[in-house]
Amino acid sequence: MSTIDTILVILKNKNLKQKDLTDYLGITKNAFTDWKSGRIESWKKYLPQIAEFLGVTVDELLGAPVPMPDPQMQRLLSLIRQLDEADRLRLEGMAAMLLTDPKYNKKSAPQDA
């Protein structure tokens, strides 16, 4: 499967549209059409951004196995993508704060005797 085919499969699995990706990358629909047809390969320079948008690694885009999406995680990612950058940073701070809770810190968990 080609990298573009992999991108299309992941988009479908995550209930995303090509327009979502082109908007994220700031490219035209025609550019994506050219990628699909093989006329141009400028998608290569966008691999890190595409991987970030899709929540996968560049290796996965290049052919490594793609895990089946977790519906709850997909919903959360979809909501996060709708936030502006400032609110994403606020959310990141909130998540970091939550992770200071001892239940997430295996080192501070009680040891079995």
N, C-alpha and C. Protein backbone atom coordinates (compact mmCIF):
# COMPACT_ATOMS: atom_id res chain seq x y z
N MET A 1 0.86 -1.18 0.00
CA MET A 1 0.00 0.00 0.00
C MET A 1 0.90 1.24 0.00
N SER A 2 0.56 2.21 -0.81
CA SER A 2 1.35 3.44 -0.87
C SER A 2 1.10 4.30 0.37
N THR A 3 1.99 5.24 0.58
CA THR A 3 1.84 6.14 1.73
C THR A 3 0.54 6.93 1.62
N ILE A 4 0.21 7.38 0.44
CA ILE A 4 -1.03 8.13 0.26
C ILE A 4 -2.23 7.23 0.56
N ASP A 5 -2.19 5.99 0.12
CA ASP A 5 -3.27 5.05 0.44
C ASP A 5 -3.38 4.86 1.95
N THR A 6 -2.23 4.76 2.62
CA THR A 6 -2.23 4.62 4.08
C THR A 6 -2.88 5.83 4.73
N ILE A 7 -2.54 7.03 4.25
CA ILE A 7 -3.14 8.26 4.78
C ILE A 7 -4.65 8.23 4.59
N LEU A 8 -5.09 7.81 3.42
CA LEU A 8 -6.53 7.75 3.14
C LEU A 8 -7.24 6.75 4.05
N VAL A 9 -6.62 5.60 4.30
CA VAL A 9 -7.21 4.59 5.18
C VAL A 9 -7.32 5.14 6.60
N ILE A 10 -6.26 5.78 7.07
CA ILE A 10 -6.28 6.32 8.43
C ILE A 10 -7.34 7.42 8.55
N LEU A 11 -7.42 8.27 7.54
CA LEU A 11 -8.46 9.31 7.55
C LEU A 11 -9.84 8.66 7.70
N LYS A 12 -10.08 7.62 6.91
CA LYS A 12 -11.37 6.94 6.95
C LYS A 12 -11.61 6.30 8.32
N ASN A 13 -10.59 5.61 8.85
CA ASN A 13 -10.72 4.95 10.15
C ASN A 13 -11.01 5.94 11.27
N LYS A 14 -10.54 7.16 11.11
CA LYS A 14 -10.71 8.17 12.15
C LYS A 14 -11.87 9.11 11.85
N ASN A 15 -12.67 8.74 10.86
CA ASN A 15 -13.83 9.55 10.47
C ASN A 15 -13.45 10.99 10.16
N LEU A 16 -12.31 11.16 9.50
CA LEU A 16 -11.86 12.48 9.07
C LEU A 16 -11.98 12.57 7.56
N LYS A 17 -12.07 13.78 7.08
CA LYS A 17 -12.20 14.01 5.65
C LYS A 17 -10.87 14.56 5.12
N GLN A 18 -10.68 14.39 3.82
CA GLN A 18 -9.48 14.94 3.18
C GLN A 18 -9.41 16.45 3.42
N LYS A 19 -10.54 17.11 3.43
CA LYS A 19 -10.58 18.55 3.66
C LYS A 19 -10.04 18.90 5.05
N ASP A 20 -10.32 18.05 6.04
CA ASP A 20 -9.78 18.29 7.38
C ASP A 20 -8.25 18.34 7.33
N LEU A 21 -7.68 17.40 6.59
CA LEU A 21 -6.22 17.35 6.48
C LEU A 21 -5.68 18.52 5.67
N THR A 22 -6.31 18.81 4.53
CA THR A 22 -5.80 19.92 3.70
C THR A 22 -5.92 21.25 4.44
N ASP A 23 -7.00 21.43 5.19
CA ASP A 23 -7.13 22.66 6.00
C ASP A 23 -6.03 22.73 7.05
N TYR A 24 -5.76 21.61 7.71
CA TYR A 24 -4.72 21.55 8.73
C TYR A 24 -3.35 21.90 8.15
N LEU A 25 -3.08 21.36 6.95
CA LEU A 25 -1.78 21.59 6.31
C LEU A 25 -1.70 22.93 5.60
N GLY A 26 -2.84 23.55 5.34
CA GLY A 26 -2.85 24.81 4.61
C GLY A 26 -2.55 24.62 3.13
N ILE A 27 -3.02 23.50 2.60
CA ILE A 27 -2.82 23.24 1.17
C ILE A 27 -4.18 23.17 0.47
N THR A 28 -4.16 23.22 -0.84
CA THR A 28 -5.41 23.18 -1.59
C THR A 28 -5.88 21.74 -1.80
N LYS A 29 -7.17 21.62 -2.07
CA LYS A 29 -7.74 20.32 -2.41
C LYS A 29 -7.06 19.75 -3.65
N ASN A 30 -6.73 20.64 -4.59
CA ASN A 30 -6.07 20.19 -5.83
C ASN A 30 -4.70 19.59 -5.56
N ALA A 31 -3.98 20.14 -4.58
CA ALA A 31 -2.66 19.59 -4.24
C ALA A 31 -2.82 18.16 -3.74
N PHE A 32 -3.83 17.93 -2.91
CA PHE A 32 -4.06 16.58 -2.39
C PHE A 32 -4.46 15.64 -3.53
N THR A 33 -5.26 16.14 -4.45
CA THR A 33 -5.65 15.34 -5.62
C THR A 33 -4.41 14.96 -6.43
N ASP A 34 -3.48 15.90 -6.57
CA ASP A 34 -2.22 15.61 -7.28
C ASP A 34 -1.40 14.56 -6.54
N TRP A 35 -1.43 14.59 -5.22
CA TRP A 35 -0.72 13.57 -4.44
C TRP A 35 -1.32 12.20 -4.73
N LYS A 36 -2.66 12.14 -4.70
CA LYS A 36 -3.34 10.86 -4.92
C LYS A 36 -3.06 10.30 -6.32
N SER A 37 -2.98 11.18 -7.29
CA SER A 37 -2.76 10.73 -8.66
C SER A 37 -1.29 10.38 -8.93
N GLY A 38 -0.41 10.79 -8.02
CA GLY A 38 1.02 10.54 -8.21
C GLY A 38 1.72 11.59 -9.06
N ARG A 39 0.99 12.65 -9.44
CA ARG A 39 1.60 13.70 -10.27
C ARG A 39 2.70 14.44 -9.52
N ILE A 40 2.51 14.65 -8.22
CA ILE A 40 3.54 15.32 -7.42
C ILE A 40 3.69 14.55 -6.11
N GLU A 41 4.87 14.69 -5.52
CA GLU A 41 5.14 14.00 -4.27
C GLU A 41 5.53 14.99 -3.17
N SER A 42 4.98 16.19 -3.22
CA SER A 42 5.31 17.18 -2.20
C SER A 42 4.79 16.77 -0.82
N TRP A 43 3.96 15.73 -0.76
CA TRP A 43 3.45 15.25 0.52
C TRP A 43 4.59 14.81 1.43
N LYS A 44 5.72 14.43 0.85
CA LYS A 44 6.84 13.94 1.65
C LYS A 44 7.31 14.98 2.67
N LYS A 45 7.30 16.24 2.28
CA LYS A 45 7.77 17.27 3.21
C LYS A 45 6.75 17.53 4.33
N TYR A 46 5.52 17.05 4.15
CA TYR A 46 4.48 17.23 5.15
C TYR A 46 4.31 16.02 6.08
N LEU A 47 5.12 14.99 5.91
CA LEU A 47 4.92 13.76 6.69
C LEU A 47 4.84 13.99 8.20
N PRO A 48 5.73 14.79 8.80
CA PRO A 48 5.60 14.99 10.25
C PRO A 48 4.27 15.65 10.65
N GLN A 49 3.83 16.63 9.86
CA GLN A 49 2.56 17.30 10.17
C GLN A 49 1.37 16.37 9.94
N ILE A 50 1.43 15.57 8.88
CA ILE A 50 0.35 14.62 8.60
C ILE A 50 0.27 13.60 9.73
N ALA A 51 1.42 13.09 10.15
CA ALA A 51 1.46 12.11 11.24
C ALA A 51 0.87 12.72 12.52
N GLU A 52 1.26 13.94 12.81
CA GLU A 52 0.73 14.62 14.01
C GLU A 52 -0.79 14.76 13.93
N PHE A 53 -1.28 15.21 12.80
CA PHE A 53 -2.72 15.40 12.62
C PHE A 53 -3.47 14.08 12.79
N LEU A 54 -2.91 13.01 12.24
CA LEU A 54 -3.59 11.72 12.28
C LEU A 54 -3.35 10.95 13.57
N GLY A 55 -2.42 11.45 14.40
CA GLY A 55 -2.14 10.76 15.65
C GLY A 55 -1.39 9.45 15.47
N VAL A 56 -0.53 9.41 14.46
CA VAL A 56 0.28 8.22 14.18
C VAL A 56 1.73 8.67 14.03
N THR A 57 2.60 7.71 13.84
CA THR A 57 4.01 8.04 13.60
C THR A 57 4.27 8.12 12.10
N VAL A 58 5.37 8.76 11.76
CA VAL A 58 5.79 8.80 10.36
C VAL A 58 6.04 7.38 9.87
N ASP A 59 6.62 6.54 10.73
CA ASP A 59 6.85 5.14 10.35
C ASP A 59 5.56 4.44 9.97
N GLU A 60 4.49 4.70 10.70
CA GLU A 60 3.21 4.10 10.36
C GLU A 60 2.73 4.58 9.00
N LEU A 61 2.93 5.87 8.71
CA LEU A 61 2.53 6.39 7.40
C LEU A 61 3.34 5.73 6.28
N LEU A 62 4.57 5.37 6.60
CA LEU A 62 5.44 4.77 5.59
C LEU A 62 5.29 3.27 5.48
N GLY A 63 4.35 2.70 6.25
CA GLY A 63 4.06 1.29 6.06
C GLY A 63 4.07 0.41 7.28
N ALA A 64 4.48 0.94 8.45
CA ALA A 64 4.43 0.13 9.66
C ALA A 64 2.96 -0.13 9.99
N PRO A 65 2.66 -1.21 10.71
CA PRO A 65 1.26 -1.52 11.03
C PRO A 65 0.56 -0.37 11.75
N VAL A 66 -0.68 -0.12 11.37
CA VAL A 66 -1.49 0.94 11.98
C VAL A 66 -2.48 0.29 12.94
N PRO A 67 -2.42 0.68 14.22
CA PRO A 67 -3.36 0.08 15.17
C PRO A 67 -4.79 0.52 14.90
N MET A 68 -5.72 -0.34 15.28
CA MET A 68 -7.13 0.02 15.14
C MET A 68 -7.44 1.17 16.09
N PRO A 69 -8.20 2.15 15.63
CA PRO A 69 -8.47 3.31 16.48
C PRO A 69 -9.38 2.96 17.66
N ASP A 70 -9.06 3.54 18.81
CA ASP A 70 -9.88 3.43 20.00
C ASP A 70 -10.95 4.52 19.88
N PRO A 71 -12.24 4.17 19.81
CA PRO A 71 -13.29 5.18 19.59
C PRO A 71 -13.28 6.31 20.61
N GLN A 72 -13.04 6.01 21.87
CA GLN A 72 -13.02 7.06 22.89
C GLN A 72 -11.86 8.02 22.65
N MET A 73 -10.69 7.47 22.31
CA MET A 73 -9.53 8.30 22.04
C MET A 73 -9.76 9.14 20.78
N GLN A 74 -10.39 8.56 19.78
CA GLN A 74 -10.68 9.29 18.56
C GLN A 74 -11.60 10.48 18.83
N ARG A 75 -12.59 10.27 19.67
CA ARG A 75 -13.52 11.35 20.03
C ARG A 75 -12.76 12.46 20.76
N LEU A 76 -11.89 12.07 21.68
CA LEU A 76 -11.12 13.06 22.42
C LEU A 76 -10.21 13.85 21.48
N LEU A 77 -9.52 13.14 20.58
CA LEU A 77 -8.66 13.83 19.62
C LEU A 77 -9.45 14.76 18.72
N SER A 78 -10.62 14.33 18.32
CA SER A 78 -11.47 15.17 17.48
C SER A 78 -11.84 16.47 18.20
N LEU A 79 -12.17 16.34 19.47
CA LEU A 79 -12.52 17.54 20.26
C LEU A 79 -11.30 18.45 20.43
N ILE A 80 -10.15 17.86 20.69
CA ILE A 80 -8.94 18.66 20.88
C ILE A 80 -8.58 19.41 19.60
N ARG A 81 -8.76 18.77 18.46
CA ARG A 81 -8.43 19.43 17.18
C ARG A 81 -9.28 20.67 16.93
N GLN A 82 -10.44 20.74 17.56
CA GLN A 82 -11.33 21.88 17.37
C GLN A 82 -10.90 23.09 18.20
N LEU A 83 -10.01 22.88 19.18
CA LEU A 83 -9.56 23.96 20.04
C LEU A 83 -8.50 24.80 19.33
N ASP A 84 -8.43 26.08 19.70
CA ASP A 84 -7.34 26.89 19.17
C ASP A 84 -6.07 26.58 19.96
N GLU A 85 -4.94 27.10 19.51
CA GLU A 85 -3.65 26.75 20.10
C GLU A 85 -3.59 27.11 21.58
N ALA A 86 -4.11 28.27 21.95
CA ALA A 86 -4.06 28.69 23.35
C ALA A 86 -4.83 27.71 24.24
N ASP A 87 -6.00 27.30 23.79
CA ASP A 87 -6.79 26.36 24.60
C ASP A 87 -6.16 24.97 24.62
N ARG A 88 -5.48 24.59 23.54
CA ARG A 88 -4.77 23.30 23.55
C ARG A 88 -3.66 23.33 24.61
N LEU A 89 -2.96 24.46 24.71
CA LEU A 89 -1.91 24.60 25.72
C LEU A 89 -2.51 24.55 27.12
N ARG A 90 -3.65 25.19 27.31
CA ARG A 90 -4.33 25.13 28.62
C ARG A 90 -4.70 23.69 28.95
N LEU A 91 -5.22 22.98 27.97
CA LEU A 91 -5.61 21.58 28.18
C LEU A 91 -4.39 20.73 28.50
N GLU A 92 -3.28 20.99 27.83
CA GLU A 92 -2.05 20.26 28.10
C GLU A 92 -1.62 20.49 29.55
N GLY A 93 -1.72 21.73 30.02
CA GLY A 93 -1.38 22.04 31.41
C GLY A 93 -2.30 21.32 32.39
N MET A 94 -3.59 21.27 32.06
CA MET A 94 -4.53 20.56 32.93
C MET A 94 -4.20 19.08 32.99
N ALA A 95 -3.87 18.49 31.84
CA ALA A 95 -3.52 17.07 31.81
C ALA A 95 -2.26 16.82 32.63
N ALA A 96 -1.27 17.69 32.51
CA ALA A 96 -0.04 17.55 33.29
C ALA A 96 -0.34 17.62 34.78
N MET A 97 -1.24 18.52 35.15
CA MET A 97 -1.61 18.65 36.56
C MET A 97 -2.29 17.37 37.05
N LEU A 98 -3.21 16.83 36.25
CA LEU A 98 -3.89 15.59 36.63
C LEU A 98 -2.89 14.44 36.82
N LEU A 99 -1.86 14.42 36.00
CA LEU A 99 -0.88 13.34 36.08
C LEU A 99 0.00 13.41 37.31
N THR A 100 -0.08 14.50 38.08
CA THR A 100 0.65 14.57 39.34
C THR A 100 -0.07 13.80 40.44
N ASP A 101 -1.31 13.40 40.19
CA ASP A 101 -2.07 12.61 41.15
C ASP A 101 -1.33 11.29 41.40
N PRO A 102 -1.20 10.88 42.66
CA PRO A 102 -0.47 9.64 42.97
C PRO A 102 -0.97 8.40 42.21
N LYS A 103 -2.23 8.38 41.84
CA LYS A 103 -2.72 7.18 41.14
C LYS A 103 -2.04 7.00 39.78
N TYR A 104 -1.44 8.07 39.23
CA TYR A 104 -0.73 7.97 37.96
C TYR A 104 0.77 7.81 38.15
N ASN A 105 1.22 7.89 39.39
CA ASN A 105 2.65 7.82 39.68
C ASN A 105 2.93 6.45 40.28
N LYS A 106 3.41 5.54 39.47
CA LYS A 106 3.65 4.17 39.91
C LYS A 106 4.69 4.10 41.04
N LYS A 107 5.63 5.03 41.08
CA LYS A 107 6.64 5.02 42.13
C LYS A 107 6.05 5.27 43.51
N SER A 108 4.97 6.08 43.57
CA SER A 108 4.40 6.39 44.87
C SER A 108 3.26 5.45 45.26
N ALA A 109 2.97 4.47 44.40
CA ALA A 109 1.92 3.50 44.70
C ALA A 109 2.39 2.59 45.82
N PRO A 110 1.47 2.17 46.71
CA PRO A 110 1.86 1.27 47.80
C PRO A 110 2.41 -0.04 47.24
N GLN A 111 3.44 -0.53 47.87
CA GLN A 111 4.06 -1.78 47.47
C GLN A 111 3.39 -2.94 48.20
N ASP A 112 3.18 -4.05 47.49
CA ASP A 112 2.65 -5.24 48.14
C ASP A 112 3.73 -5.84 49.03
N ALA A 113 3.37 -6.24 50.24
CA ALA A 113 4.34 -6.82 51.17
C ALA A 113 4.36 -8.32 51.08
